[in-house]
């Protein structure tokens, strides 16, 4: 797919949407569309953004429940 987009715009979007910047915006209530559920790590909606970090944040029953829901989504054919 060939799309002409100014690289400067791509860099700007990338820089504004990094997990760290989004988490910092959430901490000061500047993240549009997010309610303030508290500032403790388990209340924040923007997580660590590291592969596998959910294993430290969710119980096995939470993971099993999420897997069950994801496997049964309509039109989501390739979930393992």
N, C-alpha and C. Protein backbone atom coordinates (compact mmCIF):
# COMPACT_ATOMS: atom_id res chain seq x y z
N UNK A 1 0.85 -1.16 0.00
CA UNK A 1 0.00 0.00 0.00
C UNK A 1 0.90 1.24 0.00
N UNK A 2 0.69 2.09 -0.94
CA UNK A 2 1.50 3.30 -1.07
C UNK A 2 0.70 4.49 -0.55
N UNK A 3 1.17 5.07 0.55
CA UNK A 3 0.52 6.24 1.13
C UNK A 3 1.57 7.32 1.31
N UNK A 4 1.26 8.50 0.85
CA UNK A 4 2.19 9.63 1.00
C UNK A 4 1.85 10.40 2.27
N UNK A 5 2.69 10.22 3.28
CA UNK A 5 2.52 10.94 4.55
C UNK A 5 3.87 11.54 4.91
N UNK A 6 3.83 12.79 5.30
CA UNK A 6 5.05 13.48 5.69
C UNK A 6 5.68 12.77 6.89
N UNK A 7 6.94 12.42 6.77
CA UNK A 7 7.64 11.71 7.85
C UNK A 7 7.63 12.52 9.15
N UNK A 8 7.64 13.83 9.05
CA UNK A 8 7.60 14.70 10.23
C UNK A 8 6.31 14.45 11.03
N UNK A 9 5.20 14.28 10.33
CA UNK A 9 3.93 14.01 11.00
C UNK A 9 3.96 12.64 11.68
N UNK A 10 4.52 11.66 11.02
CA UNK A 10 4.63 10.33 11.62
C UNK A 10 5.46 10.38 12.89
N UNK A 11 6.58 11.07 12.85
CA UNK A 11 7.43 11.19 14.04
C UNK A 11 6.69 11.91 15.17
N UNK A 12 5.95 12.96 14.83
CA UNK A 12 5.21 13.71 15.84
C UNK A 12 4.15 12.84 16.52
N UNK A 13 3.40 12.09 15.72
CA UNK A 13 2.39 11.18 16.28
C UNK A 13 3.05 10.13 17.17
N UNK A 14 4.13 9.54 16.69
CA UNK A 14 4.85 8.53 17.46
C UNK A 14 5.33 9.11 18.79
N UNK A 15 5.95 10.28 18.74
CA UNK A 15 6.49 10.88 19.95
C UNK A 15 5.41 11.27 20.95
N UNK A 16 4.26 11.69 20.48
CA UNK A 16 3.18 12.09 21.38
C UNK A 16 2.44 10.89 21.97
N UNK A 17 2.58 9.72 21.36
CA UNK A 17 1.80 8.58 21.81
C UNK A 17 2.63 7.47 22.45
N UNK A 18 3.85 7.77 22.84
CA UNK A 18 4.64 6.75 23.52
C UNK A 18 3.97 6.41 24.85
N UNK A 19 4.14 5.20 25.32
CA UNK A 19 3.51 4.76 26.56
C UNK A 19 3.90 5.65 27.73
N UNK A 20 5.16 6.05 27.79
CA UNK A 20 5.62 6.90 28.89
C UNK A 20 4.91 8.24 28.86
N UNK A 21 4.81 8.85 27.69
CA UNK A 21 4.14 10.15 27.60
C UNK A 21 2.65 10.02 27.90
N UNK A 22 2.04 8.95 27.41
CA UNK A 22 0.62 8.76 27.69
C UNK A 22 0.39 8.53 29.18
N UNK A 23 1.25 7.76 29.82
CA UNK A 23 1.13 7.52 31.26
C UNK A 23 1.29 8.82 32.03
N UNK A 24 2.26 9.65 31.64
CA UNK A 24 2.45 10.94 32.30
C UNK A 24 1.24 11.84 32.12
N UNK A 25 0.64 11.84 30.93
CA UNK A 25 -0.58 12.63 30.70
C UNK A 25 -1.72 12.11 31.58
N UNK A 26 -1.81 10.80 31.71
CA UNK A 26 -2.86 10.23 32.56
C UNK A 26 -2.67 10.66 34.01
N UNK A 27 -1.44 10.69 34.47
CA UNK A 27 -1.16 11.06 35.86
C UNK A 27 -1.60 12.49 36.18
N UNK A 28 -1.60 13.37 35.19
CA UNK A 28 -2.01 14.76 35.43
C UNK A 28 -3.37 15.06 34.79
N UNK A 29 -4.15 13.99 34.53
CA UNK A 29 -5.50 14.11 33.97
C UNK A 29 -5.56 14.87 32.66
N UNK A 30 -4.60 14.66 31.78
CA UNK A 30 -4.56 15.33 30.49
C UNK A 30 -4.74 14.36 29.32
N UNK A 31 -5.18 13.15 29.60
CA UNK A 31 -5.36 12.15 28.55
C UNK A 31 -6.84 12.11 28.20
N UNK A 32 -7.17 12.64 27.05
CA UNK A 32 -8.55 12.78 26.62
C UNK A 32 -9.27 11.44 26.59
N UNK A 33 -10.47 11.41 27.17
CA UNK A 33 -11.29 10.21 27.14
C UNK A 33 -11.05 9.25 28.29
N UNK A 34 -10.10 9.54 29.16
CA UNK A 34 -9.81 8.67 30.29
C UNK A 34 -10.38 9.27 31.56
N UNK A 35 -11.09 8.46 32.33
CA UNK A 35 -11.56 8.90 33.63
C UNK A 35 -10.44 8.74 34.65
N UNK A 36 -10.50 9.51 35.70
CA UNK A 36 -9.49 9.41 36.76
C UNK A 36 -9.92 8.33 37.75
N UNK A 37 -9.25 7.19 37.70
CA UNK A 37 -9.55 6.09 38.61
C UNK A 37 -8.56 6.02 39.77
N UNK A 38 -7.63 6.95 39.84
CA UNK A 38 -6.61 6.96 40.88
C UNK A 38 -5.23 6.93 40.28
N UNK A 39 -4.25 7.20 41.10
CA UNK A 39 -2.87 7.31 40.61
C UNK A 39 -2.00 6.12 40.98
N UNK A 40 -2.54 5.17 41.72
CA UNK A 40 -1.79 3.96 42.03
C UNK A 40 -1.60 3.16 40.75
N UNK A 41 -0.53 2.41 40.64
CA UNK A 41 -0.20 1.69 39.41
C UNK A 41 -1.33 0.80 38.93
N UNK A 42 -2.07 0.15 39.83
CA UNK A 42 -3.15 -0.74 39.41
C UNK A 42 -4.42 0.00 39.00
N UNK A 43 -4.44 1.31 39.22
CA UNK A 43 -5.59 2.11 38.79
C UNK A 43 -5.35 2.76 37.43
N UNK A 44 -4.11 2.87 37.02
CA UNK A 44 -3.79 3.53 35.76
C UNK A 44 -4.22 2.65 34.59
N UNK A 45 -4.69 3.28 33.53
CA UNK A 45 -5.11 2.54 32.34
C UNK A 45 -3.97 2.36 31.36
N UNK A 46 -3.01 3.29 31.34
CA UNK A 46 -1.84 3.15 30.49
C UNK A 46 -0.82 2.32 31.26
N UNK A 47 -0.54 1.15 30.76
CA UNK A 47 0.33 0.22 31.47
C UNK A 47 1.79 0.40 31.09
N UNK A 48 2.61 -0.55 31.47
CA UNK A 48 4.06 -0.47 31.27
C UNK A 48 4.48 -0.56 29.82
N UNK A 49 3.64 -1.11 28.98
CA UNK A 49 3.94 -1.27 27.54
C UNK A 49 5.18 -2.12 27.31
N UNK A 50 5.28 -3.18 28.08
CA UNK A 50 6.37 -4.15 27.89
C UNK A 50 5.73 -5.51 27.66
N UNK A 51 6.26 -6.22 26.70
CA UNK A 51 5.72 -7.53 26.35
C UNK A 51 5.73 -8.43 27.58
N UNK A 52 4.58 -9.00 27.88
CA UNK A 52 4.48 -9.94 28.99
C UNK A 52 4.26 -9.32 30.35
N UNK A 53 4.23 -7.99 30.46
CA UNK A 53 4.09 -7.37 31.78
C UNK A 53 2.73 -7.68 32.41
N UNK A 54 1.76 -8.07 31.58
CA UNK A 54 0.44 -8.43 32.11
C UNK A 54 0.55 -9.62 33.08
N UNK A 55 1.57 -10.46 32.90
CA UNK A 55 1.73 -11.62 33.78
C UNK A 55 1.98 -11.20 35.22
N UNK A 56 2.58 -10.03 35.42
CA UNK A 56 2.82 -9.51 36.77
C UNK A 56 1.64 -8.71 37.30
N UNK A 57 0.71 -8.34 36.41
CA UNK A 57 -0.39 -7.45 36.80
C UNK A 57 -1.73 -8.16 36.92
N UNK A 58 -1.89 -9.31 36.29
CA UNK A 58 -3.17 -10.03 36.30
C UNK A 58 -3.01 -11.39 36.97
N UNK A 59 -4.08 -11.83 37.62
CA UNK A 59 -4.07 -13.18 38.19
C UNK A 59 -4.29 -14.18 37.05
N UNK A 60 -4.02 -15.45 37.32
CA UNK A 60 -4.23 -16.47 36.30
C UNK A 60 -5.70 -16.54 35.91
N UNK A 61 -6.60 -16.37 36.88
CA UNK A 61 -8.03 -16.41 36.53
C UNK A 61 -8.41 -15.22 35.65
N UNK A 62 -7.80 -14.05 35.87
CA UNK A 62 -8.04 -12.90 34.99
C UNK A 62 -7.56 -13.19 33.58
N UNK A 63 -6.38 -13.78 33.46
CA UNK A 63 -5.81 -14.12 32.15
C UNK A 63 -6.69 -15.15 31.44
N UNK A 64 -7.14 -16.17 32.18
CA UNK A 64 -8.01 -17.19 31.59
C UNK A 64 -9.31 -16.56 31.09
N UNK A 65 -9.88 -15.65 31.87
CA UNK A 65 -11.12 -14.99 31.48
C UNK A 65 -10.92 -14.15 30.22
N UNK A 66 -9.84 -13.38 30.16
CA UNK A 66 -9.54 -12.58 28.97
C UNK A 66 -9.35 -13.47 27.75
N UNK A 67 -8.62 -14.57 27.92
CA UNK A 67 -8.41 -15.50 26.81
C UNK A 67 -9.73 -16.09 26.32
N UNK A 68 -10.61 -16.43 27.25
CA UNK A 68 -11.92 -16.95 26.88
C UNK A 68 -12.69 -15.93 26.03
N UNK A 69 -12.72 -14.68 26.49
CA UNK A 69 -13.44 -13.63 25.75
C UNK A 69 -12.83 -13.41 24.38
N UNK A 70 -11.50 -13.36 24.31
CA UNK A 70 -10.84 -13.10 23.03
C UNK A 70 -11.07 -14.23 22.03
N UNK A 71 -11.06 -15.46 22.51
CA UNK A 71 -11.27 -16.60 21.62
C UNK A 71 -12.67 -16.63 21.04
N UNK A 72 -13.61 -16.00 21.72
CA UNK A 72 -15.00 -16.05 21.29
C UNK A 72 -15.48 -14.77 20.61
N UNK A 73 -14.57 -13.87 20.29
CA UNK A 73 -14.95 -12.66 19.57
C UNK A 73 -15.38 -13.00 18.15
N UNK A 74 -16.44 -12.38 17.71
CA UNK A 74 -16.88 -12.57 16.33
C UNK A 74 -15.89 -11.92 15.38
N UNK A 75 -15.50 -12.64 14.35
CA UNK A 75 -14.63 -12.08 13.33
C UNK A 75 -13.15 -12.02 13.70
N UNK A 76 -12.78 -12.53 14.85
CA UNK A 76 -11.38 -12.51 15.26
C UNK A 76 -10.85 -13.93 15.13
N UNK A 77 -10.43 -14.29 13.94
CA UNK A 77 -10.18 -15.69 13.58
C UNK A 77 -8.85 -16.25 14.07
N UNK A 78 -7.87 -15.41 14.26
CA UNK A 78 -6.51 -15.93 14.43
C UNK A 78 -5.98 -15.83 15.85
N UNK A 79 -6.85 -15.66 16.84
CA UNK A 79 -6.38 -15.60 18.22
C UNK A 79 -5.97 -16.99 18.68
N UNK A 80 -4.82 -17.09 19.35
CA UNK A 80 -4.31 -18.39 19.80
C UNK A 80 -4.76 -18.69 21.21
